Structures are given as structure tokens and as C-alpha cells.
């Protein structure tokens, strides 16, 4: 009898200890009610409660929770159906409000996300919905976060996973994309041909300029060479005349000039006999001394 009572007392003690000592895991929060009324929120670690008076009514996870929002059909501003699928990330910040603020905060967040999404997409055209994903995500988060604060929930972000228009719209969009790419290809080809023609014209122009510059420089060089040759000939002629003049005034110079003029005179007439040319000659060819005297008179006058 005594042993049975001791065993019962031992069992009751174990149950009492189990009911009294509660170990809350990290990133969790337990809401305790005392006699049906909110009493406290237990944080991570070892916690003591009064058995049979206090009870753990709710257990919440404080980690970031992903919530898959079911796909839904939205009507855009241009009356096009669009199926939108997204995911919502939230976190419980107030366990007490999460317990008593809403009977089901997950369902409330899901429904609010869907209605807000329909409202945001309804103000946009179909093409803009693909371009303004960030705007849609931000609008949904801001709208939900205001209401979710009363539920002890913080909405962190919303991400659109997929936007699916009807098959007819997809085919039209694909055709539009194909046409746009073909247009870009034609523009790129025409720009290439245009650039090619420009490059060819530029090359021909530069070649013509280079050729004309070469011809100009060659003409300048030829002109400078001819001028230098003329100057050299003139200088040589002047030097010859100076030397001839200096030789004449030397003793015996006049006689040498007479002899040279006579030799050239006789040589010139000797060459006439070798040709068939008809020329006019002086009547008295024997009067050689008078011709030489005339030539010497010219030389003396020059001196």
C-alpha cells in the first residue's frame, strides 16, 4: 500500500515538474494563458509556469516565413487576363497580437495579398506589368504591412514568381518580338553597309589627297631642280665670260681672239658644204680680214 502511494506521488511529481518547467527553443515564442486570460509570453530558454493554472495556448515561430500565394487571374487596364503567381515573406513581431489579433493571420495575409495584387495590376497595361514588377511587389508589401501590424506580423517582401497571359497573347507577343528582332537585324545590316560606304569614300578621299600632295611635291622638286640648273648654267656662263674678258686684256689676248674667231668662221663655212641647205652668204668671202676686224671691233667695244 505504501509502495503504491509512493509510486503515485512520484508520478504526480513528474507530471508537476513537466507542467511547471518549459524549455522554449531559440527563435520561438510561447503565449501563456492563466485561467483563460493572456498572462505572458515565454522567450527562448527555461521558463516556469504554474501547473493546472497556466497553460501554453499558442506557439509561434519568429523566423522569416515564406508563404506561397495561390495563383489568381487579374484583369489589366487594357482588359487582358493575366495569371499571377507570387510568394510572400513575413515574420511574427508580436506573439500576443498574432495570437489574438486575428483568428487566422496566414489566411488574412493571403487574401489581402491577392486583393491588393488585383488592384495594382488593374491600374496597369499588360506590357507595363512585365516591366514594373518591382513596383507591383512594393505596392503589395506596403498595402499588406499597414493591416498586418494589427496582427503582430511584419510583411518583409513580396515576389512575383510568374506572369502568364493567355496563349493568344503569348503568340502575339512572340510575333512582335520576332518582328522587332528582324527590324533590328535589318537596321544593323543597313548601318553596316552605310559605314562601309563611308569608309570606302573616306579611303578614296585620303588616297586622292595623298596622291595630289605627292604630285605637288614632285612638281615643286622639278621646278626647284630646273631653277637650280638655270642658275648653275648662268653662273657657269658668267664665269666663262669673266675668264674670257680677263684673258683678252692679257698680253697677246687680242691676237688669240682673232685667231679663235677666224677658226670658228672657217669651220662654220666648211660645214655648209656638207648640207643641201640654201643660205645667203657674203659676196666677197676672200675679205676675211675685214670680217675679223669687225668682230674685234665688237669685242673692244664690249671691253
C-alpha atoms as a PDB file:
ATOM      1  CA  UNK A   1       0.000   0.000   0.000  1.00  0.00           C
ATOM      2  CA  UNK A   2       2.745   2.374   0.978  1.00  0.00           C
ATOM      3  CA  UNK A   3       4.724   1.490  -2.130  1.00  0.00           C
ATOM      4  CA  UNK A   4       1.736   2.145  -4.375  1.00  0.00           C
ATOM      5  CA  UNK A   5       1.172   5.545  -2.754  1.00  0.00           C
ATOM      6  CA  UNK A   6       4.834   6.443  -3.182  1.00  0.00           C
ATOM      7  CA  UNK A   7       4.685   5.462  -6.821  1.00  0.00           C
ATOM      8  CA  UNK A   8       1.591   7.605  -7.369  1.00  0.00           C
ATOM      9  CA  UNK A   9       3.250  10.526  -5.634  1.00  0.00           C
ATOM     10  CA  UNK A  10       6.326  10.043  -7.841  1.00  0.00           C
ATOM     11  CA  UNK A  11       4.209  10.058 -10.981  1.00  0.00           C
ATOM     12  CA  UNK A  12       2.374  13.183  -9.842  1.00  0.00           C
ATOM     13  CA  UNK A  13       5.698  14.882  -9.101  1.00  0.00           C
ATOM     14  CA  UNK A  14       6.984  14.096 -12.562  1.00  0.00           C
ATOM     15  CA  UNK A  15       3.803  15.450 -14.149  1.00  0.00           C
ATOM     16  CA  UNK A  16       4.051  18.519 -11.918  1.00  0.00           C
ATOM     17  CA  UNK A  17       7.634  19.136 -12.968  1.00  0.00           C
ATOM     18  CA  UNK A  18       6.780  18.660 -16.639  1.00  0.00           C
ATOM     19  CA  UNK A  19       3.915  21.090 -16.329  1.00  0.00           C
ATOM     20  CA  UNK A  20       5.996  23.558 -14.364  1.00  0.00           C
ATOM     21  CA  UNK A  21       9.220  23.642 -16.395  1.00  0.00           C
ATOM     22  CA  UNK A  22       9.038  24.664 -20.036  1.00  0.00           C
ATOM     23  CA  UNK A  23      12.019  24.997 -22.385  1.00  0.00           C
ATOM     24  CA  UNK A  24      11.346  27.326 -25.300  1.00  0.00           C
ATOM     25  CA  UNK A  25      13.614  26.870 -28.375  1.00  0.00           C
ATOM     26  CA  UNK A  26      15.531  29.719 -29.968  1.00  0.00           C
ATOM     27  CA  UNK A  27      13.517  31.943 -32.327  1.00  0.00           C
ATOM     28  CA  UNK A  28      10.261  30.744 -30.797  1.00  0.00           C
ATOM     29  CA  UNK A  29       7.699  32.422 -28.523  1.00  0.00           C
ATOM     30  CA  UNK A  30       5.012  30.764 -26.450  1.00  0.00           C
ATOM     31  CA  UNK A  31       1.907  32.591 -25.272  1.00  0.00           C
ATOM     32  CA  UNK A  32       0.741  31.585 -21.763  1.00  0.00           C
ATOM     33  CA  UNK A  33      -2.851  31.979 -20.554  1.00  0.00           C
ATOM     34  CA  UNK A  34      -3.765  31.941 -16.899  1.00  0.00           C
ATOM     35  CA  UNK A  35      -7.298  30.792 -16.251  1.00  0.00           C
ATOM     36  CA  UNK A  36      -8.242  31.577 -19.870  1.00  0.00           C
ATOM     37  CA  UNK A  37      -6.694  35.046 -19.928  1.00  0.00           C
ATOM     38  CA  UNK A  38      -3.462  36.193 -21.548  1.00  0.00           C
ATOM     39  CA  UNK A  39      -0.721  36.104 -18.933  1.00  0.00           C
ATOM     40  CA  UNK A  40       2.769  36.231 -20.504  1.00  0.00           C
ATOM     41  CA  UNK A  41       4.927  35.466 -23.486  1.00  0.00           C
ATOM     42  CA  UNK A  42       7.695  32.984 -22.862  1.00  0.00           C
ATOM     43  CA  UNK A  43      11.010  33.660 -24.573  1.00  0.00           C
ATOM     44  CA  UNK A  44      13.749  31.175 -25.514  1.00  0.00           C
ATOM     45  CA  UNK A  45      15.219  29.211 -22.601  1.00  0.00           C
ATOM     46  CA  UNK A  46      13.954  27.742 -19.341  1.00  0.00           C
ATOM     47  CA  UNK A  47      10.589  29.079 -18.135  1.00  0.00           C
ATOM     48  CA  UNK A  48       8.456  28.257 -15.040  1.00  0.00           C
ATOM     49  CA  UNK A  49       4.661  28.194 -15.129  1.00  0.00           C
ATOM     50  CA  UNK A  50       2.047  27.280 -12.556  1.00  0.00           C
ATOM     51  CA  UNK A  51       0.657  23.831 -13.338  1.00  0.00           C
ATOM     52  CA  UNK A  52      -3.059  23.417 -13.924  1.00  0.00           C
ATOM     53  CA  UNK A  53      -3.498  27.208 -13.736  1.00  0.00           C
ATOM     54  CA  UNK A  54      -1.266  28.398 -16.550  1.00  0.00           C
ATOM     55  CA  UNK A  55      -1.251  26.771 -19.945  1.00  0.00           C
ATOM     56  CA  UNK A  56       0.665  27.373 -23.174  1.00  0.00           C
ATOM     57  CA  UNK A  57      -2.073  28.487 -25.551  1.00  0.00           C
ATOM     58  CA  UNK A  58      -0.079  29.428 -28.668  1.00  0.00           C
ATOM     59  CA  UNK A  59       3.355  28.621 -30.003  1.00  0.00           C
ATOM     60  CA  UNK A  60       4.837  30.935 -32.631  1.00  0.00           C
ATOM     61  CA  UNK A  61       7.957  30.729 -34.801  1.00  0.00           C
ATOM     62  CA  UNK A  62       9.776  34.063 -35.004  1.00  0.00           C
ATOM     63  CA  UNK A  63      11.793  33.152 -38.108  1.00  0.00           C
ATOM     64  CA  UNK A  64      11.099  34.587 -41.549  1.00  0.00           C
ATOM     65  CA  UNK A  65       8.335  32.515 -43.099  1.00  0.00           C
ATOM     66  CA  UNK A  66       7.716  32.118 -46.863  1.00  0.00           C
ATOM     67  CA  UNK A  67       4.044  31.958 -47.779  1.00  0.00           C
ATOM     68  CA  UNK A  68       3.051  30.762 -51.236  1.00  0.00           C
ATOM     69  CA  UNK A  69       0.188  32.921 -52.521  1.00  0.00           C
ATOM     70  CA  UNK A  70      -2.078  30.834 -54.792  1.00  0.00           C
ATOM     71  CA  UNK A  71      -2.166  31.846 -58.487  1.00  0.00           C
ATOM     72  CA  UNK A  72      -5.041  34.093 -59.497  1.00  0.00           C
ATOM     73  CA  UNK A  73      -6.425  35.755 -62.620  1.00  0.00           C
ATOM     74  CA  UNK A  74      -6.049  39.543 -62.760  1.00  0.00           C
ATOM     75  CA  UNK A  75      -7.564  41.911 -65.329  1.00  0.00           C
ATOM     76  CA  UNK A  76      -5.199  44.581 -66.640  1.00  0.00           C
ATOM     77  CA  UNK A  77      -6.125  48.122 -67.611  1.00  0.00           C
ATOM     78  CA  UNK A  78      -6.435  47.101 -71.281  1.00  0.00           C
ATOM     79  CA  UNK A  79      -8.860  44.270 -70.355  1.00  0.00           C
ATOM     80  CA  UNK A  80      -6.410  41.403 -70.694  1.00  0.00           C
ATOM     81  CA  UNK A  81      -6.460  38.400 -68.378  1.00  0.00           C
ATOM     82  CA  UNK A  82      -3.192  37.721 -66.622  1.00  0.00           C
ATOM     83  CA  UNK A  83      -2.446  34.858 -64.267  1.00  0.00           C
ATOM     84  CA  UNK A  84      -0.162  35.979 -61.431  1.00  0.00           C
ATOM     85  CA  UNK A  85       1.698  33.658 -59.099  1.00  0.00           C
ATOM     86  CA  UNK A  86       3.726  35.033 -56.184  1.00  0.00           C
ATOM     87  CA  UNK A  87       5.304  34.318 -52.834  1.00  0.00           C
ATOM     88  CA  UNK A  88       5.124  36.378 -49.658  1.00  0.00           C
ATOM     89  CA  UNK A  89       7.724  36.602 -46.884  1.00  0.00           C
ATOM     90  CA  UNK A  90       6.608  37.635 -43.393  1.00  0.00           C
ATOM     91  CA  UNK A  91       7.744  37.441 -39.783  1.00  0.00           C
ATOM     92  CA  UNK A  92       5.892  37.495 -36.455  1.00  0.00           C
ATOM     93  CA  UNK A  93       6.984  40.504 -34.423  1.00  0.00           C
ATOM     94  CA  UNK A  94       4.319  40.490 -31.676  1.00  0.00           C
ATOM     95  CA  UNK A  95       3.287  36.992 -30.497  1.00  0.00           C
ATOM     96  CA  UNK A  96       0.446  38.336 -28.370  1.00  0.00           C
ATOM     97  CA  UNK A  97      -1.223  40.150 -31.307  1.00  0.00           C
ATOM     98  CA  UNK A  98      -0.535  37.205 -33.584  1.00  0.00           C
ATOM     99  CA  UNK A  99      -2.489  35.081 -31.117  1.00  0.00           C
ATOM    100  CA  UNK A 100      -5.442  37.354 -30.500  1.00  0.00           C
ATOM    101  CA  UNK A 101      -5.408  39.913 -33.337  1.00  0.00           C
ATOM    102  CA  UNK A 102      -6.779  37.527 -35.963  1.00  0.00           C
ATOM    103  CA  UNK A 103      -8.287  34.093 -35.894  1.00  0.00           C
ATOM    104  CA  UNK A 104      -6.018  33.090 -38.815  1.00  0.00           C
ATOM    105  CA  UNK A 105      -3.411  35.653 -39.744  1.00  0.00           C
ATOM    106  CA  UNK A 106      -1.980  33.448 -42.531  1.00  0.00           C
ATOM    107  CA  UNK A 107      -5.315  33.318 -44.352  1.00  0.00           C
ATOM    108  CA  UNK A 108      -5.794  37.049 -43.749  1.00  0.00           C
ATOM    109  CA  UNK A 109      -2.374  37.864 -45.229  1.00  0.00           C
ATOM    110  CA  UNK A 110      -3.008  35.620 -48.234  1.00  0.00           C
ATOM    111  CA  UNK A 111      -6.395  37.137 -49.029  1.00  0.00           C
ATOM    112  CA  UNK A 112      -5.102  40.681 -48.583  1.00  0.00           C
ATOM    113  CA  UNK A 113      -2.150  39.955 -50.891  1.00  0.00           C
ATOM    114  CA  UNK A 114      -4.473  38.653 -53.601  1.00  0.00           C
ATOM    115  CA  UNK A 115      -6.904  41.575 -53.440  1.00  0.00           C
ATOM    116  CA  UNK A 116      -4.080  44.126 -53.392  1.00  0.00           C
ATOM    117  CA  UNK A 117      -2.411  42.413 -56.336  1.00  0.00           C
ATOM    118  CA  UNK A 118      -5.624  42.530 -58.384  1.00  0.00           C
ATOM    119  CA  UNK A 119      -5.991  46.232 -57.598  1.00  0.00           C
ATOM    120  CA  UNK A 120      -2.401  47.089 -58.571  1.00  0.00           C
ATOM    121  CA  UNK A 121      -2.440  45.065 -61.808  1.00  0.00           C
ATOM    122  CA  UNK A 122      -5.840  46.543 -62.741  1.00  0.00           C
ATOM    123  CA  UNK A 123      -4.256  50.011 -62.923  1.00  0.00           C
ATOM    124  CA  UNK A 124      -1.557  48.893 -65.371  1.00  0.00           C
ATOM    125  CA  UNK A 125      -1.474  47.857 -69.007  1.00  0.00           C
ATOM    126  CA  UNK A 126      -0.261  44.389 -69.972  1.00  0.00           C
ATOM    127  CA  UNK A 127       3.154  45.493 -71.257  1.00  0.00           C
ATOM    128  CA  UNK A 128       3.789  47.518 -68.109  1.00  0.00           C
ATOM    129  CA  UNK A 129       3.132  44.566 -65.826  1.00  0.00           C
ATOM    130  CA  UNK A 130       6.239  42.834 -67.184  1.00  0.00           C
ATOM    131  CA  UNK A 131       8.330  45.983 -66.813  1.00  0.00           C
ATOM    132  CA  UNK A 132       7.053  47.127 -63.408  1.00  0.00           C
ATOM    133  CA  UNK A 133       7.487  44.004 -61.295  1.00  0.00           C
ATOM    134  CA  UNK A 134       9.360  45.914 -58.613  1.00  0.00           C
ATOM    135  CA  UNK A 135       6.545  48.486 -58.423  1.00  0.00           C
ATOM    136  CA  UNK A 136       3.952  45.734 -58.046  1.00  0.00           C
ATOM    137  CA  UNK A 137       5.959  43.992 -55.325  1.00  0.00           C
ATOM    138  CA  UNK A 138       6.455  47.224 -53.388  1.00  0.00           C
ATOM    139  CA  UNK A 139       2.773  48.200 -53.664  1.00  0.00           C
ATOM    140  CA  UNK A 140       1.624  44.818 -52.343  1.00  0.00           C
ATOM    141  CA  UNK A 141       4.044  44.928 -49.398  1.00  0.00           C
ATOM    142  CA  UNK A 142       3.048  48.473 -48.399  1.00  0.00           C
ATOM    143  CA  UNK A 143      -0.676  47.688 -48.551  1.00  0.00           C
ATOM    144  CA  UNK A 144      -0.402  44.463 -46.519  1.00  0.00           C
ATOM    145  CA  UNK A 145       2.026  45.851 -43.963  1.00  0.00           C
ATOM    146  CA  UNK A 146      -0.425  48.503 -42.766  1.00  0.00           C
ATOM    147  CA  UNK A 147      -3.088  45.934 -41.913  1.00  0.00           C
ATOM    148  CA  UNK A 148      -0.715  43.196 -40.776  1.00  0.00           C
ATOM    149  CA  UNK A 149       0.631  45.427 -37.993  1.00  0.00           C
ATOM    150  CA  UNK A 150      -2.593  44.784 -36.057  1.00  0.00           C
ATOM    151  CA  UNK A 151      -1.951  41.057 -36.380  1.00  0.00           C
ATOM    152  CA  UNK A 152       1.562  41.224 -34.950  1.00  0.00           C
ATOM    153  CA  UNK A 153       3.017  40.338 -38.346  1.00  0.00           C
ATOM    154  CA  UNK A 154       5.638  42.205 -40.377  1.00  0.00           C
ATOM    155  CA  UNK A 155       5.479  41.672 -44.138  1.00  0.00           C
ATOM    156  CA  UNK A 156       9.053  41.768 -45.416  1.00  0.00           C
ATOM    157  CA  UNK A 157       8.662  41.414 -49.188  1.00  0.00           C
ATOM    158  CA  UNK A 158       6.538  40.021 -51.972  1.00  0.00           C
ATOM    159  CA  UNK A 159       7.964  38.456 -55.114  1.00  0.00           C
ATOM    160  CA  UNK A 160       6.107  37.645 -58.334  1.00  0.00           C
ATOM    161  CA  UNK A 161       7.115  34.177 -59.458  1.00  0.00           C
ATOM    162  CA  UNK A 162       5.311  34.112 -62.768  1.00  0.00           C
ATOM    163  CA  UNK A 163       3.123  36.239 -65.034  1.00  0.00           C
ATOM    164  CA  UNK A 164       1.201  34.153 -67.564  1.00  0.00           C
ATOM    165  CA  UNK A 165      -1.015  35.840 -70.173  1.00  0.00           C
ATOM    166  CA  UNK A 166      -3.416  33.808 -72.392  1.00  0.00           C
ATOM    167  CA  UNK A 167      -1.978  31.696 -75.222  1.00  0.00           C
ATOM    168  CA  UNK A 168      -3.265  34.081 -77.895  1.00  0.00           C
ATOM    169  CA  UNK A 169      -1.464  36.991 -76.229  1.00  0.00           C
ATOM    170  CA  UNK A 170       1.698  34.904 -75.898  1.00  0.00           C
ATOM    171  CA  UNK A 171       1.646  34.133 -79.626  1.00  0.00           C
ATOM    172  CA  UNK A 172       1.088  37.794 -80.473  1.00  0.00           C
ATOM    173  CA  UNK A 173       3.896  38.859 -78.151  1.00  0.00           C
ATOM    174  CA  UNK A 174       6.218  36.263 -79.675  1.00  0.00           C
ATOM    175  CA  UNK A 175       5.400  37.514 -83.173  1.00  0.00           C
ATOM    176  CA  UNK A 176       6.020  41.084 -82.048  1.00  0.00           C
ATOM    177  CA  UNK A 177       9.369  40.119 -80.533  1.00  0.00           C
ATOM    178  CA  UNK A 178      10.348  38.276 -83.724  1.00  0.00           C
ATOM    179  CA  UNK A 179       9.413  41.271 -85.870  1.00  0.00           C
ATOM    180  CA  UNK A 180      11.342  43.594 -83.576  1.00  0.00           C
ATOM    181  CA  UNK A 181      14.434  41.410 -83.769  1.00  0.00           C
ATOM    182  CA  UNK A 182      14.192  41.226 -87.580  1.00  0.00           C
ATOM    183  CA  UNK A 183      13.849  45.006 -87.660  1.00  0.00           C
ATOM    184  CA  UNK A 184      16.951  45.409 -85.508  1.00  0.00           C
ATOM    185  CA  UNK A 185      18.841  42.978 -87.751  1.00  0.00           C
ATOM    186  CA  UNK A 186      17.888  44.963 -90.877  1.00  0.00           C
ATOM    187  CA  UNK A 187      18.852  48.228 -89.209  1.00  0.00           C
ATOM    188  CA  UNK A 188      22.170  46.766 -88.107  1.00  0.00           C
ATOM    189  CA  UNK A 189      22.850  45.482 -91.655  1.00  0.00           C
ATOM    190  CA  UNK A 190      21.991  48.851 -93.218  1.00  0.00           C
ATOM    191  CA  UNK A 191      24.166  50.640 -90.674  1.00  0.00           C
ATOM    192  CA  UNK A 192      26.982  48.271 -91.574  1.00  0.00           C
ATOM    193  CA  UNK A 193      26.578  48.987 -95.300  1.00  0.00           C
ATOM    194  CA  UNK A 194      26.413  52.698 -94.602  1.00  0.00           C
ATOM    195  CA  UNK A 195      29.583  52.569 -92.538  1.00  0.00           C
ATOM    196  CA  UNK A 196      31.265  50.516 -95.266  1.00  0.00           C
ATOM    197  CA  UNK A 197      30.434  53.137 -97.904  1.00  0.00           C
ATOM    198  CA  UNK A 198      31.649  55.884 -95.605  1.00  0.00           C
ATOM    199  CA  UNK A 199      34.908  54.046 -95.002  1.00  0.00           C
ATOM    200  CA  UNK A 200      35.431  53.464 -98.744  1.00  0.00           C
ATOM    201  CA  UNK A 201      34.695  57.119 -99.560  1.00  0.00           C
ATOM    202  CA  UNK A 202      36.991  58.275 -96.776  1.00  0.00           C
ATOM    203  CA  UNK A 203      39.770  55.998 -98.017  1.00  0.00           C
ATOM    204  CA  UNK A 204      39.406  57.184-101.604  1.00  0.00           C
ATOM    205  CA  UNK A 205      39.424  60.803-100.496  1.00  0.00           C
ATOM    206  CA  UNK A 206      42.526  60.320 -98.368  1.00  0.00           C
ATOM    207  CA  UNK A 207      44.235  58.451-101.246  1.00  0.00           C
ATOM    208  CA  UNK A 208      43.399  61.281-103.685  1.00  0.00           C
ATOM    209  CA  UNK A 209      44.699  63.866-101.224  1.00  0.00           C
ATOM    210  CA  UNK A 210      47.884  61.896-100.705  1.00  0.00           C
ATOM    211  CA  UNK A 211      48.343  61.479-104.496  1.00  0.00           C
ATOM    212  CA  UNK A 212      47.803  65.197-105.151  1.00  0.00           C
ATOM    213  CA  UNK A 213      50.192  66.080-102.343  1.00  0.00           C
ATOM    214  CA  UNK A 214      52.792  63.763-103.921  1.00  0.00           C
ATOM    215  CA  UNK A 215      52.283  65.272-107.372  1.00  0.00           C
ATOM    216  CA  UNK A 216      52.504  68.753-105.890  1.00  0.00           C
ATOM    217  CA  UNK A 217      55.747  67.932-104.126  1.00  0.00           C
ATOM    218  CA  UNK A 218      57.124  66.325-107.297  1.00  0.00           C
ATOM    219  CA  UNK A 219      56.270  69.462-109.323  1.00  0.00           C
ATOM    220  CA  UNK A 220      57.928  71.616-106.683  1.00  0.00           C
ATOM    221  CA  UNK A 221      61.003  69.414-106.754  1.00  0.00           C
ATOM    222  CA  UNK A 222      61.159  69.545-110.594  1.00  0.00           C
ATOM    223  CA  UNK A 223      60.736  73.318-110.578  1.00  0.00           C
ATOM    224  CA  UNK A 224      63.421  73.704-107.945  1.00  0.00           C
ATOM    225  CA  UNK A 225      65.742  71.420-109.982  1.00  0.00           C
ATOM    226  CA  UNK A 226      65.150  73.381-113.176  1.00  0.00           C
ATOM    227  CA  UNK A 227      65.709  76.655-111.363  1.00  0.00           C
ATOM    228  CA  UNK A 228      68.906  75.318-109.839  1.00  0.00           C
ATOM    229  CA  UNK A 229      70.052  74.123-113.303  1.00  0.00           C
ATOM    230  CA  UNK A 230      69.332  77.507-114.898  1.00  0.00           C
ATOM    231  CA  UNK A 231      71.183  79.285-112.097  1.00  0.00           C
ATOM    232  CA  UNK A 232      74.128  76.904-112.457  1.00  0.00           C
ATOM    233  CA  UNK A 233      74.233  77.439-116.256  1.00  0.00           C
ATOM    234  CA  UNK A 234      74.015  81.193-115.835  1.00  0.00           C
ATOM    235  CA  UNK A 235      76.729  81.151-113.221  1.00  0.00           C
ATOM    236  CA  UNK A 236      78.945  78.995-115.493  1.00  0.00           C
ATOM    237  CA  UNK A 237      78.321  81.314-118.490  1.00  0.00           C
ATOM    238  CA  UNK A 238      79.108  84.357-116.375  1.00  0.00           C
ATOM    239  CA  UNK A 239      82.241  82.715-115.070  1.00  0.00           C
ATOM    240  CA  UNK A 240      83.284  81.815-118.643  1.00  0.00           C
ATOM    241  CA  UNK A 241      82.697  85.367-119.800  1.00  0.00           C
ATOM    242  CA  UNK A 242      84.695  86.723-116.873  1.00  0.00           C
ATOM    243  CA  UNK A 243      87.561  84.398-117.652  1.00  0.00           C
ATOM    244  CA  UNK A 244      87.372  85.270-121.386  1.00  0.00           C
ATOM    245  CA  UNK A 245      87.378  89.006-120.598  1.00  0.00           C
ATOM    246  CA  UNK A 246      90.321  88.559-118.268  1.00  0.00           C
ATOM    247  CA  UNK A 247      92.218  86.617-120.940  1.00  0.00           C
ATOM    248  CA  UNK A 248      91.620  89.291-123.594  1.00  0.00           C
ATOM    249  CA  UNK A 249      93.195  92.046-121.568  1.00  0.00           C
ATOM    250  CA  UNK A 250      96.320  89.951-121.075  1.00  0.00           C
ATOM    251  CA  UNK A 251      99.278  90.426-123.485  1.00  0.00           C
ATOM    252  CA  UNK A 252      98.547  88.551-126.709  1.00  0.00           C
ATOM    253  CA  UNK A 253      94.894  88.094-125.772  1.00  0.00           C
ATOM    254  CA  UNK A 254      93.543  90.109-128.697  1.00  0.00           C
ATOM    255  CA  UNK A 255      95.572  88.066-131.186  1.00  0.00           C
ATOM    256  CA  UNK A 256      94.262  84.856-129.629  1.00  0.00           C
ATOM    257  CA  UNK A 257      90.694  86.103-130.004  1.00  0.00           C
ATOM    258  CA  UNK A 258      91.350  86.973-133.661  1.00  0.00           C
ATOM    259  CA  UNK A 259      92.661  83.500-134.263  1.00  0.00           C
ATOM    260  CA  UNK A 260      89.716  81.833-132.490  1.00  0.00           C
ATOM    261  CA  UNK A 261      87.129  83.901-134.377  1.00  0.00           C
ATOM    262  CA  UNK A 262      88.813  83.100-137.681  1.00  0.00           C
ATOM    263  CA  UNK A 263      88.861  79.404-136.903  1.00  0.00           C
ATOM    264  CA  UNK A 264      85.159  79.345-135.986  1.00  0.00           C
ATOM    265  CA  UNK A 265      84.304  81.366-139.091  1.00  0.00           C
ATOM    266  CA  UNK A 266      86.143  78.993-141.405  1.00  0.00           C
ATOM    267  CA  UNK A 267      84.673  75.963-139.573  1.00  0.00           C
ATOM    268  CA  UNK A 268      81.148  77.284-139.987  1.00  0.00           C
ATOM    269  CA  UNK A 269      81.517  77.753-143.722  1.00  0.00           C
ATOM    270  CA  UNK A 270      83.116  74.362-144.056  1.00  0.00           C
ATOM    271  CA  UNK A 271      80.031  72.757-142.596  1.00  0.00           C
ATOM    272  CA  UNK A 272      77.790  74.435-145.172  1.00  0.00           C
ATOM    273  CA  UNK A 273      79.354  72.391-147.944  1.00  0.00           C
ATOM    274  CA  UNK A 274      78.157  69.178-146.293  1.00  0.00           C
ATOM    275  CA  UNK A 275      74.447  70.120-146.381  1.00  0.00           C
ATOM    276  CA  UNK A 276      71.916  70.923-149.054  1.00  0.00           C
ATOM    277  CA  UNK A 277      70.553  73.996-147.304  1.00  0.00           C
ATOM    278  CA  UNK A 278      70.188  77.177-149.296  1.00  0.00           C
ATOM    279  CA  UNK A 279      71.600  80.157-147.411  1.00  0.00           C
ATOM    280  CA  UNK A 280      72.707  83.724-148.100  1.00  0.00           C
ATOM    281  CA  UNK A 281      76.478  84.353-147.701  1.00  0.00           C
ATOM    282  CA  UNK A 282      78.585  87.452-148.136  1.00  0.00           C
ATOM    283  CA  UNK A 283      79.604  88.236-151.758  1.00  0.00           C
ATOM    284  CA  UNK A 284      83.301  88.643-151.016  1.00  0.00           C
ATOM    285  CA  UNK A 285      84.412  85.576-148.995  1.00  0.00           C
ATOM    286  CA  UNK A 286      88.081  86.467-149.561  1.00  0.00           C
ATOM    287  CA  UNK A 287      87.863  89.554-147.481  1.00  0.00           C
ATOM    288  CA  UNK A 288      88.390  87.590-144.274  1.00  0.00           C
ATOM    289  CA  UNK A 289      90.481  90.295-142.584  1.00  0.00           C
ATOM    290  CA  UNK A 290      87.635  92.796-142.722  1.00  0.00           C
ATOM    291  CA  UNK A 291      85.268  90.342-141.011  1.00  0.00           C
ATOM    292  CA  UNK A 292      87.778  89.623-138.276  1.00  0.00           C
ATOM    293  CA  UNK A 293      88.403  93.332-137.816  1.00  0.00           C
ATOM    294  CA  UNK A 294      84.665  93.886-137.457  1.00  0.00           C
ATOM    295  CA  UNK A 295      84.470  91.151-134.824  1.00  0.00           C
ATOM    296  CA  UNK A 296      87.384  92.557-132.911  1.00  0.00           C
ATOM    297  CA  UNK A 297      85.777  95.981-133.023  1.00  0.00           C
ATOM    298  CA  UNK A 298      82.762  94.471-131.278  1.00  0.00           C
ATOM    299  CA  UNK A 299      84.992  92.861-128.654  1.00  0.00           C
ATOM    300  CA  UNK A 300      86.790  96.147-127.993  1.00  0.00           C
ATOM    301  CA  UNK A 301      83.520  97.979-127.637  1.00  0.00           C
ATOM    302  CA  UNK A 302      82.361  95.443-125.054  1.00  0.00           C
ATOM    303  CA  UNK A 303      85.592  95.947-123.129  1.00  0.00           C
END
